[in-house]
PDB file of N, CA and C in Angstrom:
ATOM      1  N   GLY A   1      87.121  62.777-196.133  1.00  0.00           N
ATOM      2  CA  GLY A   1      86.660  62.109-197.143  1.00  0.00           C
ATOM      3  C   GLY A   1      87.681  61.469-198.195  1.00  0.00           C
ATOM      4  N   GLY A   2      87.414  60.286-198.526  1.00  0.00           N
ATOM      5  CA  GLY A   2      88.242  59.503-199.258  1.00  0.00           C
ATOM      6  C   GLY A   2      87.954  59.770-200.776  1.00  0.00           C
ATOM      7  N   ALA A   3      87.025  60.883-201.075  1.00  0.00           N
ATOM      8  CA  ALA A   3      86.589  61.182-202.501  1.00  0.00           C
ATOM      9  C   ALA A   3      87.675  61.672-203.294  1.00  0.00           C
ATOM     10  N   LYS A   4      88.012  61.296-204.489  1.00  0.00           N
ATOM     11  CA  LYS A   4      89.087  61.848-205.335  1.00  0.00           C
ATOM     12  C   LYS A   4      88.400  63.393-205.720  1.00  0.00           C
ATOM     13  N   LYS A   5      89.446  64.369-205.845  1.00  0.00           N
ATOM     14  CA  LYS A   5      88.993  65.672-206.183  1.00  0.00           C
ATOM     15  C   LYS A   5      88.970  65.569-207.710  1.00  0.00           C
ATOM     16  N   LYS A   6      88.189  66.330-208.289  1.00  0.00           N
ATOM     17  CA  LYS A   6      88.163  66.653-209.834  1.00  0.00           C
ATOM     18  C   LYS A   6      88.246  68.049-210.149  1.00  0.00           C
ATOM     19  N   ILE A   7      88.791  68.360-211.327  1.00  0.00           N
ATOM     20  CA  ILE A   7      88.878  69.779-211.748  1.00  0.00           C
ATOM     21  C   ILE A   7      88.094  69.793-213.077  1.00  0.00           C
ATOM     22  N   ILE A   8      86.994  70.765-213.053  1.00  0.00           N
ATOM     23  CA  ILE A   8      86.098  70.900-214.072  1.00  0.00           C
ATOM     24  C   ILE A   8      86.504  72.250-214.725  1.00  0.00           C
ATOM     25  N   THR A   9      86.810  72.221-215.968  1.00  0.00           N
ATOM     26  CA  THR A   9      87.322  73.439-216.666  1.00  0.00           C
ATOM     27  C   THR A   9      86.378  73.641-217.817  1.00  0.00           C
ATOM     28  N   PHE A  10      85.854  74.762-218.019  1.00  0.00           N
ATOM     29  CA  PHE A  10      84.846  74.986-219.139  1.00  0.00           C
ATOM     30  C   PHE A  10      85.073  76.386-219.503  1.00  0.00           C
ATOM     31  N   LEU A  11      84.609  76.573-220.870  1.00  0.00           N
ATOM     32  CA  LEU A  11      84.681  77.883-221.497  1.00  0.00           C
ATOM     33  C   LEU A  11      83.196  78.193-221.842  1.00  0.00           C
ATOM     34  N   PRO A  12      82.637  79.380-221.401  1.00  0.00           N
ATOM     35  CA  PRO A  12      81.273  79.642-221.588  1.00  0.00           C
ATOM     36  C   PRO A  12      81.163  80.007-223.170  1.00  0.00           C
ATOM     37  N   GLY A  13      79.902  79.620-223.460  1.00  0.00           N
ATOM     38  CA  GLY A  13      79.450  80.051-224.904  1.00  0.00           C
ATOM     39  C   GLY A  13      79.133  81.396-225.046  1.00  0.00           C
ATOM     40  N   PRO A  14      78.572  81.812-226.236  1.00  0.00           N
ATOM     41  CA  PRO A  14      78.133  83.264-226.359  1.00  0.00           C
ATOM     42  C   PRO A  14      77.148  83.487-225.498  1.00  0.00           C
ATOM     43  N   GLY A  15      76.981  84.933-225.158  1.00  0.00           N
ATOM     44  CA  GLY A  15      76.015  85.333-224.304  1.00  0.00           C
ATOM     45  C   GLY A  15      76.487  85.906-222.978  1.00  0.00           C
ATOM     46  N   PRO A  16      75.621  86.514-222.065  1.00  0.00           N
ATOM     47  CA  PRO A  16      75.983  87.068-220.962  1.00  0.00           C
ATOM     48  C   PRO A  16      75.663  86.052-219.742  1.00  0.00           C
ATOM     49  N   ALA A  17      75.378  84.813-219.892  1.00  0.00           N
ATOM     50  CA  ALA A  17      75.082  83.901-218.820  1.00  0.00           C
ATOM     51  C   ALA A  17      76.000  83.832-217.660  1.00  0.00           C
ATOM     52  N   PHE A  18      77.338  83.898-218.078  1.00  0.00           N
ATOM     53  CA  PHE A  18      78.353  83.685-216.980  1.00  0.00           C
ATOM     54  C   PHE A  18      79.061  84.939-216.829  1.00  0.00           C
ATOM     55  N   ALA A  19      78.848  85.597-215.682  1.00  0.00           N
ATOM     56  CA  ALA A  19      79.351  86.727-215.349  1.00  0.00           C
ATOM     57  C   ALA A  19      80.994  86.564-214.783  1.00  0.00           C
ATOM     58  N   ASP A  20      81.832  87.512-214.934  1.00  0.00           N
ATOM     59  CA  ASP A  20      83.124  87.229-214.456  1.00  0.00           C
ATOM     60  C   ASP A  20      83.249  86.639-212.980  1.00  0.00           C
ATOM     61  N   THR A  21      82.226  87.045-212.287  1.00  0.00           N
ATOM     62  CA  THR A  21      82.227  86.600-210.807  1.00  0.00           C
ATOM     63  C   THR A  21      81.490  85.496-210.457  1.00  0.00           C
ATOM     64  N   TRP A  22      80.954  84.712-211.649  1.00  0.00           N
ATOM     65  CA  TRP A  22      80.154  83.517-211.438  1.00  0.00           C
ATOM     66  C   TRP A  22      80.940  82.486-210.588  1.00  0.00           C
ATOM     67  N   GLN A  23      80.206  81.877-209.591  1.00  0.00           N
ATOM     68  CA  GLN A  23      80.840  80.951-208.765  1.00  0.00           C
ATOM     69  C   GLN A  23      79.785  79.716-208.667  1.00  0.00           C
ATOM     70  N   SER A  24      80.437  78.430-208.829  1.00  0.00           N
ATOM     71  CA  SER A  24      79.690  77.206-208.510  1.00  0.00           C
ATOM     72  C   SER A  24      79.223  77.144-207.017  1.00  0.00           C
ATOM     73  N   ARG A  25      78.114  76.689-206.893  1.00  0.00           N
ATOM     74  CA  ARG A  25      77.652  76.466-205.410  1.00  0.00           C
ATOM     75  C   ARG A  25      78.404  75.259-204.806  1.00  0.00           C
ATOM     76  N   HIS A  26      79.105  74.439-205.612  1.00  0.00           N
ATOM     77  CA  HIS A  26      79.542  73.173-205.213  1.00  0.00           C
ATOM     78  C   HIS A  26      81.081  73.063-204.860  1.00  0.00           C
ATOM     79  N   GLY A  27      81.763  74.248-205.347  1.00  0.00           N
ATOM     80  CA  GLY A  27      83.216  74.161-205.117  1.00  0.00           C
ATOM     81  C   GLY A  27      83.900  75.483-205.511  1.00  0.00           C
ATOM     82  N   GLU A  28      85.270  75.444-205.255  1.00  0.00           N
ATOM     83  CA  GLU A  28      86.057  76.873-205.353  1.00  0.00           C
ATOM     84  C   GLU A  28      86.004  77.263-206.990  1.00  0.00           C
ATOM     85  N   THR A  29      85.626  78.155-207.343  1.00  0.00           N
ATOM     86  CA  THR A  29      85.567  78.567-208.679  1.00  0.00           C
ATOM     87  C   THR A  29      86.529  79.728-209.060  1.00  0.00           C
ATOM     88  N   LYS A  30      87.394  79.513-210.002  1.00  0.00           N
ATOM     89  CA  LYS A  30      88.309  80.507-210.527  1.00  0.00           C
ATOM     90  C   LYS A  30      88.065  80.927-211.963  1.00  0.00           C
ATOM     91  N   ARG A  31      88.267  82.209-212.402  1.00  0.00           N
ATOM     92  CA  ARG A  31      88.251  82.460-213.756  1.00  0.00           C
ATOM     93  C   ARG A  31      89.495  82.911-214.269  1.00  0.00           C
ATOM     94  N   ALA A  32      89.960  82.163-215.366  1.00  0.00           N
ATOM     95  CA  ALA A  32      91.368  82.590-215.732  1.00  0.00           C
ATOM     96  C   ALA A  32      91.308  83.911-216.776  1.00  0.00           C
ATOM     97  N   ASP A  33      92.346  84.349-217.309  1.00  0.00           N
ATOM     98  CA  ASP A  33      92.399  85.494-218.159  1.00  0.00           C
ATOM     99  C   ASP A  33      91.739  85.218-219.534  1.00  0.00           C
ATOM    100  N   ASP A  34      91.854  83.959-219.889  1.00  0.00           N
ATOM    101  CA  ASP A  34      91.405  83.429-221.185  1.00  0.00           C
ATOM    102  C   ASP A  34      89.622  83.211-221.203  1.00  0.00           C
ATOM    103  N   GLY A  35      89.098  83.525-219.920  1.00  0.00           N
ATOM    104  CA  GLY A  35      87.731  83.326-219.993  1.00  0.00           C
ATOM    105  C   GLY A  35      87.154  81.991-219.380  1.00  0.00           C
ATOM    106  N   LYS A  36      88.232  81.182-219.280  1.00  0.00           N
ATOM    107  CA  LYS A  36      87.874  79.855-218.854  1.00  0.00           C
ATOM    108  C   LYS A  36      87.559  79.841-217.236  1.00  0.00           C
ATOM    109  N   PHE A  37      86.686  79.031-216.939  1.00  0.00           N
ATOM    110  CA  PHE A  37      86.495  78.836-215.539  1.00  0.00           C
ATOM    111  C   PHE A  37      87.088  77.501-214.979  1.00  0.00           C
ATOM    112  N   THR A  38      87.624  77.366-213.898  1.00  0.00           N
ATOM    113  CA  THR A  38      88.010  76.161-213.342  1.00  0.00           C
ATOM    114  C   THR A  38      87.313  75.858-211.843  1.00  0.00           C
ATOM    115  N   ILE A  39      86.796  74.823-211.728  1.00  0.00           N
ATOM    116  CA  ILE A  39      86.120  74.436-210.469  1.00  0.00           C
ATOM    117  C   ILE A  39      86.811  73.212-209.799  1.00  0.00           C
ATOM    118  N   ARG A  40      87.061  73.271-208.613  1.00  0.00           N
ATOM    119  CA  ARG A  40      87.755  71.955-208.002  1.00  0.00           C
ATOM    120  C   ARG A  40      86.669  71.549-207.041  1.00  0.00           C
ATOM    121  N   VAL A  41      86.139  70.303-207.235  1.00  0.00           N
ATOM    122  CA  VAL A  41      85.035  69.671-206.613  1.00  0.00           C
ATOM    123  C   VAL A  41      85.442  68.209-206.105  1.00  0.00           C
ATOM    124  N   PRO A  42      84.864  67.838-205.063  1.00  0.00           N
ATOM    125  CA  PRO A  42      84.814  66.210-204.799  1.00  0.00           C
ATOM    126  C   PRO A  42      84.258  65.496-205.999  1.00  0.00           C
ATOM    127  N   GLY A  43      84.729  64.306-206.102  1.00  0.00           N
ATOM    128  CA  GLY A  43      84.405  63.407-207.285  1.00  0.00           C
ATOM    129  C   GLY A  43      82.814  63.276-207.348  1.00  0.00           C
ATOM    130  N   GLU A  44      82.170  63.136-206.160  1.00  0.00           N
ATOM    131  CA  GLU A  44      80.670  62.769-206.119  1.00  0.00           C
ATOM    132  C   GLU A  44      79.867  64.127-206.549  1.00  0.00           C
ATOM    133  N   ASN A  45      80.410  65.367-206.680  1.00  0.00           N
ATOM    134  CA  ASN A  45      79.747  66.502-207.168  1.00  0.00           C
ATOM    135  C   ASN A  45      79.823  66.731-208.473  1.00  0.00           C
ATOM    136  N   VAL A  46      80.699  65.900-209.211  1.00  0.00           N
ATOM    137  CA  VAL A  46      80.765  66.249-210.663  1.00  0.00           C
ATOM    138  C   VAL A  46      79.534  66.388-211.473  1.00  0.00           C
ATOM    139  N   VAL A  47      78.583  65.512-211.337  1.00  0.00           N
ATOM    140  CA  VAL A  47      77.284  65.620-211.966  1.00  0.00           C
ATOM    141  C   VAL A  47      76.543  66.846-211.795  1.00  0.00           C
ATOM    142  N   ALA A  48      76.411  67.119-210.374  1.00  0.00           N
ATOM    143  CA  ALA A  48      75.711  68.334-209.854  1.00  0.00           C
ATOM    144  C   ALA A  48      76.317  69.458-210.540  1.00  0.00           C
ATOM    145  N   VAL A  49      77.819  69.582-210.582  1.00  0.00           N
ATOM    146  CA  VAL A  49      78.209  70.716-211.074  1.00  0.00           C
ATOM    147  C   VAL A  49      78.083  70.966-212.492  1.00  0.00           C
ATOM    148  N   SER A  50      78.187  69.757-213.342  1.00  0.00           N
ATOM    149  CA  SER A  50      77.916  69.737-214.553  1.00  0.00           C
ATOM    150  C   SER A  50      76.563  70.207-214.963  1.00  0.00           C
ATOM    151  N   GLN A  51      75.604  69.636-214.289  1.00  0.00           N
ATOM    152  CA  GLN A  51      74.175  70.096-214.424  1.00  0.00           C
ATOM    153  C   GLN A  51      73.977  71.669-214.239  1.00  0.00           C
ATOM    154  N   GLU A  52      74.710  72.147-213.166  1.00  0.00           N
ATOM    155  CA  GLU A  52      74.526  73.488-212.741  1.00  0.00           C
ATOM    156  C   GLU A  52      75.229  74.347-213.724  1.00  0.00           C
ATOM    157  N   ILE A  53      76.398  74.199-214.588  1.00  0.00           N
ATOM    158  CA  ILE A  53      76.821  74.910-215.511  1.00  0.00           C
ATOM    159  C   ILE A  53      75.792  74.817-216.741  1.00  0.00           C
ATOM    160  N   LEU A  54      75.453  73.728-217.001  1.00  0.00           N
ATOM    161  CA  LEU A  54      74.624  73.593-218.279  1.00  0.00           C
ATOM    162  C   LEU A  54      73.342  74.482-218.143  1.00  0.00           C
ATOM    163  N   ARG A  55      72.759  74.322-216.950  1.00  0.00           N
ATOM    164  CA  ARG A  55      71.527  75.118-216.684  1.00  0.00           C
ATOM    165  C   ARG A  55      71.727  76.646-216.745  1.00  0.00           C
ATOM    166  N   THR A  56      72.941  77.095-216.414  1.00  0.00           N
ATOM    167  CA  THR A  56      73.222  78.489-216.318  1.00  0.00           C
ATOM    168  C   THR A  56      73.247  79.089-217.634  1.00  0.00           C
ATOM    169  N   GLY A  57      73.910  78.447-218.695  1.00  0.00           N
ATOM    170  CA  GLY A  57      74.127  79.011-220.178  1.00  0.00           C
ATOM    171  C   GLY A  57      74.902  78.050-221.046  1.00  0.00           C
ATOM    172  N   PRO A  58      75.091  78.424-222.086  1.00  0.00           N
ATOM    173  CA  PRO A  58      75.819  77.716-223.212  1.00  0.00           C
ATOM    174  C   PRO A  58      77.047  77.617-222.814  1.00  0.00           C
ATOM    175  N   VAL A  59      77.871  76.391-223.309  1.00  0.00           N
ATOM    176  CA  VAL A  59      79.151  76.209-222.835  1.00  0.00           C
ATOM    177  C   VAL A  59      79.841  75.678-224.337  1.00  0.00           C
ATOM    178  N   ALA A  60      81.038  76.404-224.543  1.00  0.00           N
ATOM    179  CA  ALA A  60      81.600  76.041-225.714  1.00  0.00           C
ATOM    180  C   ALA A  60      82.565  74.842-225.586  1.00  0.00           C
ATOM    181  N   ASP A  61      82.983  74.654-224.426  1.00  0.00           N
ATOM    182  CA  ASP A  61      83.969  73.345-224.131  1.00  0.00           C
ATOM    183  C   ASP A  61      83.961  73.144-222.634  1.00  0.00           C
ATOM    184  N   ILE A  62      84.019  71.800-222.342  1.00  0.00           N
ATOM    185  CA  ILE A  62      84.130  71.363-220.941  1.00  0.00           C
ATOM    186  C   ILE A  62      85.035  70.212-220.840  1.00  0.00           C
ATOM    187  N   THR A  63      85.946  70.219-219.810  1.00  0.00           N
ATOM    188  CA  THR A  63      86.683  69.043-219.518  1.00  0.00           C
ATOM    189  C   THR A  63      86.709  68.720-217.991  1.00  0.00           C
ATOM    190  N   ILE A  64      86.689  67.424-217.713  1.00  0.00           N
ATOM    191  CA  ILE A  64      86.802  67.091-216.347  1.00  0.00           C
ATOM    192  C   ILE A  64      88.007  66.213-216.295  1.00  0.00           C
ATOM    193  N   GLU A  65      88.956  66.506-215.141  1.00  0.00           N
ATOM    194  CA  GLU A  65      90.050  65.747-214.866  1.00  0.00           C
ATOM    195  C   GLU A  65      90.292  65.385-213.506  1.00  0.00           C
ATOM    196  N   ASP A  66      91.052  64.459-213.053  1.00  0.00           N
ATOM    197  CA  ASP A  66      91.539  64.301-211.863  1.00  0.00           C
ATOM    198  C   ASP A  66      92.361  65.307-211.446  1.00  0.00           C
ATOM    199  N   VAL A  67      92.405  65.922-210.116  1.00  0.00           N
ATOM    200  CA  VAL A  67      93.450  66.634-209.598  1.00  0.00           C
ATOM    201  C   VAL A  67      94.546  65.974-209.625  1.00  0.00           C
ATOM    202  N   PRO A  68      95.834  66.503-210.044  1.00  0.00           N
ATOM    203  CA  PRO A  68      97.050  65.871-210.105  1.00  0.00           C
ATOM    204  C   PRO A  68      97.340  65.452-208.615  1.00  0.00           C
ATOM    205  N   LEU A  69      98.114  64.204-208.454  1.00  0.00           N
ATOM    206  CA  LEU A  69      98.529  63.839-207.104  1.00  0.00           C
ATOM    207  C   LEU A  69      99.365  64.635-206.338  1.00  0.00           C
ATOM    208  N   GLU A  70     100.175  65.478-207.117  1.00  0.00           N
ATOM    209  CA  GLU A  70     101.116  66.399-206.273  1.00  0.00           C
ATOM    210  C   GLU A  70     100.356  67.431-205.742  1.00  0.00           C
ATOM    211  N   ASP A  71      99.271  67.796-206.331  1.00  0.00           N
ATOM    212  CA  ASP A  71      98.297  68.885-205.827  1.00  0.00           C
ATOM    213  C   ASP A  71      97.566  68.396-204.503  1.00  0.00           C
ATOM    214  N   VAL A  72      97.348  67.187-204.457  1.00  0.00           N
ATOM    215  CA  VAL A  72      96.564  66.478-203.337  1.00  0.00           C
ATOM    216  C   VAL A  72      97.463  66.446-202.163  1.00  0.00           C
ATOM    217  N   ILE A  73      98.811  65.908-202.356  1.00  0.00           N
ATOM    218  CA  ILE A  73      99.828  65.968-201.536  1.00  0.00           C
ATOM    219  C   ILE A  73     100.164  67.335-200.850  1.00  0.00           C
ATOM    220  N   ALA A  74     100.366  68.221-201.646  1.00  0.00           N
ATOM    221  CA  ALA A  74     100.644  69.579-201.240  1.00  0.00           C
ATOM    222  C   ALA A  74      99.532  70.205-200.382  1.00  0.00           C
ATOM    223  N   GLU A  75      98.197  69.886-200.538  1.00  0.00           N
ATOM    224  CA  GLU A  75      97.041  70.260-199.683  1.00  0.00           C
ATOM    225  C   GLU A  75      97.188  69.404-198.439  1.00  0.00           C
ATOM    226  N   LEU A  76      97.669  68.294-198.368  1.00  0.00           N
ATOM    227  CA  LEU A  76      97.674  67.661-197.209  1.00  0.00           C
ATOM    228  C   LEU A  76      98.884  68.128-196.220  1.00  0.00           C
ATOM    229  N   PHE A  77      99.996  68.586-196.848  1.00  0.00           N
ATOM    230  CA  PHE A  77     100.893  69.110-196.059  1.00  0.00           C
ATOM    231  C   PHE A  77     100.606  70.474-195.574  1.00  0.00           C
ATOM    232  N   ALA A  78      99.881  71.260-196.474  1.00  0.00           N
ATOM    233  CA  ALA A  78      99.255  72.531-196.035  1.00  0.00           C
ATOM    234  C   ALA A  78      98.527  72.521-194.830  1.00  0.00           C
ATOM    235  N   ALA A  79      97.650  71.456-194.923  1.00  0.00           N
ATOM    236  CA  ALA A  79      96.607  71.149-193.779  1.00  0.00           C
ATOM    237  C   ALA A  79      97.257  70.899-192.418  1.00  0.00           C
ATOM    238  N   GLN A  80      98.535  70.417-192.482  1.00  0.00           N
ATOM    239  CA  GLN A  80      99.310  69.893-191.231  1.00  0.00           C
ATOM    240  C   GLN A  80      99.748  71.396-190.493  1.00  0.00           C
ATOM    241  N   VAL A  81      99.951  72.269-191.117  1.00  0.00           N
ATOM    242  CA  VAL A  81     100.480  73.491-190.410  1.00  0.00           C
ATOM    243  C   VAL A  81      99.531  74.123-189.444  1.00  0.00           C
TER     244      VAL A  81
END
């Protein structure tokens, strides 16, 4: 796939909606010590993931960024092994 990867980072709002173990159905989800979730998804899944997050519960903050090129290159090299 030639789709650009995106990183969606969000901080859940108040309430129990997002458990520590919450996972997006669309991509690899990690929770940081500060409580923020980070999901790496193909670009075409950004809307689906955003809707999934907002359906799950309140969100205090959300950002969507391109995956840094060096990360993409590192993944390509890792895939060759």
